[in-house]
Protein backbone atom coordinates (compact mmCIF):
# COMPACT_ATOMS: atom_id res chain seq x y z
CA MET A 1 120.27 98.16 124.21
CA LYS A 2 117.02 100.01 125.23
CA GLN A 3 118.47 103.06 126.44
CA ASN A 4 120.36 103.22 123.01
CA VAL A 5 116.79 102.67 121.02
CA ILE A 6 115.41 105.66 123.06
CA MET A 7 118.30 107.97 122.75
CA ASN A 8 118.18 107.49 118.92
CA ARG A 9 114.58 108.05 118.98
CA HIS A 10 115.22 111.55 120.84
CA SER A 11 117.99 112.58 118.62
CA GLN A 12 115.85 111.80 115.49
CA ILE A 13 113.28 113.97 116.83
CA GLU A 14 115.78 116.63 117.22
CA GLN A 15 117.58 115.97 114.02
CA THR A 16 113.97 116.00 111.81
CA THR A 17 112.49 119.17 113.52
CA SER A 18 115.66 120.86 114.67
CA VAL A 19 113.99 121.56 117.94
CA ASP A 20 114.92 120.27 121.38
CA ARG A 21 113.06 117.33 122.34
CA THR A 22 111.28 118.40 125.41
CA GLN A 23 109.99 121.62 123.24
CA PHE A 24 108.76 119.80 120.68
CA LEU A 25 106.88 117.24 123.03
CA SER A 26 105.53 120.15 124.69
CA PHE A 27 103.95 121.43 121.39
CA ALA A 28 102.93 117.93 120.26
CA MET A 29 101.18 116.71 123.04
CA PRO A 30 98.39 119.12 123.40
CA ILE A 31 97.70 118.48 119.36
CA LEU A 32 97.86 114.91 120.53
CA ALA A 33 95.21 115.23 123.17
CA ILE A 34 92.92 117.34 121.04
CA GLY A 35 93.07 114.75 118.26
CA ASN A 36 92.30 112.26 120.73
CA VAL A 37 88.98 114.16 121.98
CA PHE A 38 88.17 115.02 118.38
CA SER A 39 88.21 111.66 117.28
CA ILE A 40 86.16 110.39 120.31
CA LEU A 41 83.47 112.96 119.59
CA MET A 42 83.35 111.92 115.80
CA ALA A 43 83.07 108.40 116.78
CA ALA A 44 79.99 109.24 118.98
CA LEU A 45 78.66 111.29 116.34
CA LEU A 46 78.92 108.43 113.92
CA ASN A 47 77.48 105.99 116.29
CA LYS A 48 74.17 108.18 116.77
CA LEU A 49 73.79 108.70 113.21
CA GLY A 50 74.19 104.84 112.60
CA GLN A 51 71.30 104.37 115.05
CA ARG A 52 69.18 107.05 113.60
CA LYS A 53 69.56 105.93 110.12
CA PRO A 54 70.44 102.43 109.88
CA GLN A 55 71.29 102.09 105.91
CA PHE A 56 74.77 104.17 107.17
CA SER A 57 75.57 101.24 109.55
CA GLY A 58 77.41 98.19 109.11
CA ASN A 59 76.15 96.85 112.69
CA GLY A 60 79.93 96.04 113.60
CA GLU A 61 80.88 94.37 110.49
CA LEU A 62 83.67 95.73 108.23
CA VAL A 63 82.61 93.82 104.75
CA LYS A 64 79.19 92.86 104.55
CA SER A 65 78.81 89.31 103.88
CA GLY A 66 75.89 89.46 101.58
CA MET A 67 77.57 91.52 98.89
CA GLU A 68 77.42 90.44 95.28
CA LEU A 69 80.67 89.75 93.74
CA ASP A 70 81.36 90.69 90.42
CA PRO A 71 80.64 87.43 88.24
CA GLU A 72 84.40 87.87 86.44
CA ASP A 73 86.10 88.05 89.95
CA LYS A 74 86.49 84.31 90.41
CA PRO A 75 89.23 82.67 92.95
CA TYR A 76 92.30 82.11 91.26
CA GLU A 77 92.74 78.42 90.55
CA GLY A 78 95.93 78.32 88.47
CA LYS A 79 99.60 78.84 89.18
CA ILE A 80 101.33 82.06 89.39
CA SER A 81 103.39 82.66 86.00
CA PHE A 82 106.53 84.39 85.55
CA ASP A 83 104.50 87.17 83.92
CA GLU A 84 102.50 87.51 86.91
CA ILE A 85 105.58 88.03 89.17
CA GLY A 86 106.94 90.15 86.64
CA MET A 87 103.85 92.35 86.64
CA GLY A 88 104.02 92.52 90.46
CA PHE A 89 107.36 93.48 90.38
CA LEU A 90 106.64 96.33 87.85
CA ILE A 91 103.69 97.69 89.78
CA VAL A 92 105.69 97.86 93.14
CA PHE A 93 108.95 99.09 91.22
CA GLY A 94 106.72 101.94 89.45
CA LEU A 95 105.14 102.94 92.74
CA TYR A 96 108.34 103.10 94.60
CA MET A 97 110.03 105.17 91.71
CA ALA A 98 106.88 107.63 91.76
CA ALA A 99 107.10 107.53 95.74
CA VAL A 100 110.83 108.58 95.52
CA ILE A 101 110.39 111.18 92.75
CA ILE A 102 107.51 113.11 95.10
CA SER A 103 109.85 112.50 98.24
CA LYS A 104 112.71 114.01 96.78
CA LYS A 105 111.58 116.65 93.94
CA ILE A 106 107.92 117.11 94.36
CA LEU A 107 107.11 117.63 97.92
CA PRO A 108 110.13 116.57 100.21
CA THR A 109 108.61 118.39 103.23
CA ILE A 110 105.00 119.11 104.39
CA GLY A 111 105.08 121.96 107.14
CA GLY A 112 108.94 121.61 107.48
CA VAL A 113 108.86 117.98 108.46
CA ALA A 114 110.54 115.51 106.02
CA ILE A 115 107.95 112.73 104.76
CA HIS A 116 109.48 109.25 104.11
CA THR A 117 109.72 107.90 100.91
CA TYR A 118 107.55 104.76 102.09
CA ALA A 119 104.88 106.85 103.41
CA TYR A 120 104.20 108.45 99.92
CA MET A 121 104.48 104.92 98.40
CA LEU A 122 101.79 103.76 100.74
CA PHE A 123 99.84 106.68 100.07
CA LEU A 124 99.96 106.01 96.21
CA THR A 125 99.17 102.48 96.75
CA ALA A 126 95.88 103.44 98.68
CA ILE A 127 95.10 106.09 96.14
CA CYS A 128 95.39 103.26 93.50
CA ASN A 129 93.45 100.70 95.57
CA ALA A 130 90.66 103.28 96.01
CA CYS A 131 90.53 104.07 92.40
CA ASN A 132 90.54 100.37 91.34
CA ILE A 133 93.49 100.98 89.08
CA PHE A 134 95.09 97.75 89.28
CA SER A 135 91.74 95.59 88.94
CA LYS A 136 91.85 92.39 86.48
CA LYS A 137 90.75 94.48 83.58
CA SER A 138 93.20 97.04 83.95
CA ILE A 139 96.08 94.91 84.34
CA THR A 140 95.36 92.82 81.23
CA PRO A 141 96.38 94.83 78.60
CA LEU A 142 100.00 95.36 80.68
CA ALA A 143 99.92 91.50 80.96
CA VAL A 144 99.46 90.89 77.32
CA GLY A 145 102.16 93.71 76.36
CA SER A 146 104.35 92.08 78.88
CA HIS A 147 104.09 88.41 77.17
CA LEU A 148 104.30 90.14 73.71
CA ILE A 149 107.88 91.82 74.59
CA GLN A 150 109.35 88.40 76.19
CA HIS A 151 108.08 86.52 73.12
CA GLU A 152 109.62 89.23 71.08
CA ARG A 153 112.79 88.82 73.12
CA SER A 154 112.95 84.93 72.88
CA LYS A 155 113.12 85.13 69.20
CA PHE A 156 115.64 87.84 68.76
CA PHE A 157 118.17 85.90 71.24
CA MET A 158 117.56 82.62 69.46
C-alpha cells in the first residue's frame, strides 16, 4: 500500500512538471535549502529587532491577552438560525466559485505549474479575513437581504 502511494506521488511530479522526478528533485532541493537558510537568517534578524525595539515583539505571544475588544463583538449567545447557515453556504460557495474561475480561466498556471482550486480558495479566504470583509457589520446587510428573500418566497408559495 505504501509503495503505491510513493509511486503515485512520483507520477504526480512527472505529470505536473513534465520532467523526470530525479531531474525535478535535483532542481528543487537546492531551492529548498536556500529557502531554509533564508528563513533561519530572517528569524535571527527579527529576533534581534525584537530585542532592540521591544514594541515590535510579542514576547512569544501570538495574540496579546490585554487587547481591547470591540464592544459590539460579543460572544454569540443564541442558536444558529437557518439564515446564518445559508449565509455560510453562500459565502463558501461564492469563494469556491471565484477560486474555480481563477484556477480555470484567469490564472491556471504560475510558472508552468498548475495551482489547485483549493489553494486559490485558501488565498481568497485569507485576503477576505485580512481585509475584514466578512465581519458582523458587513454580513448584516446580506443576512437582512436573505431574510427578505425568504419571507417573499414564503408568501409567494403559500
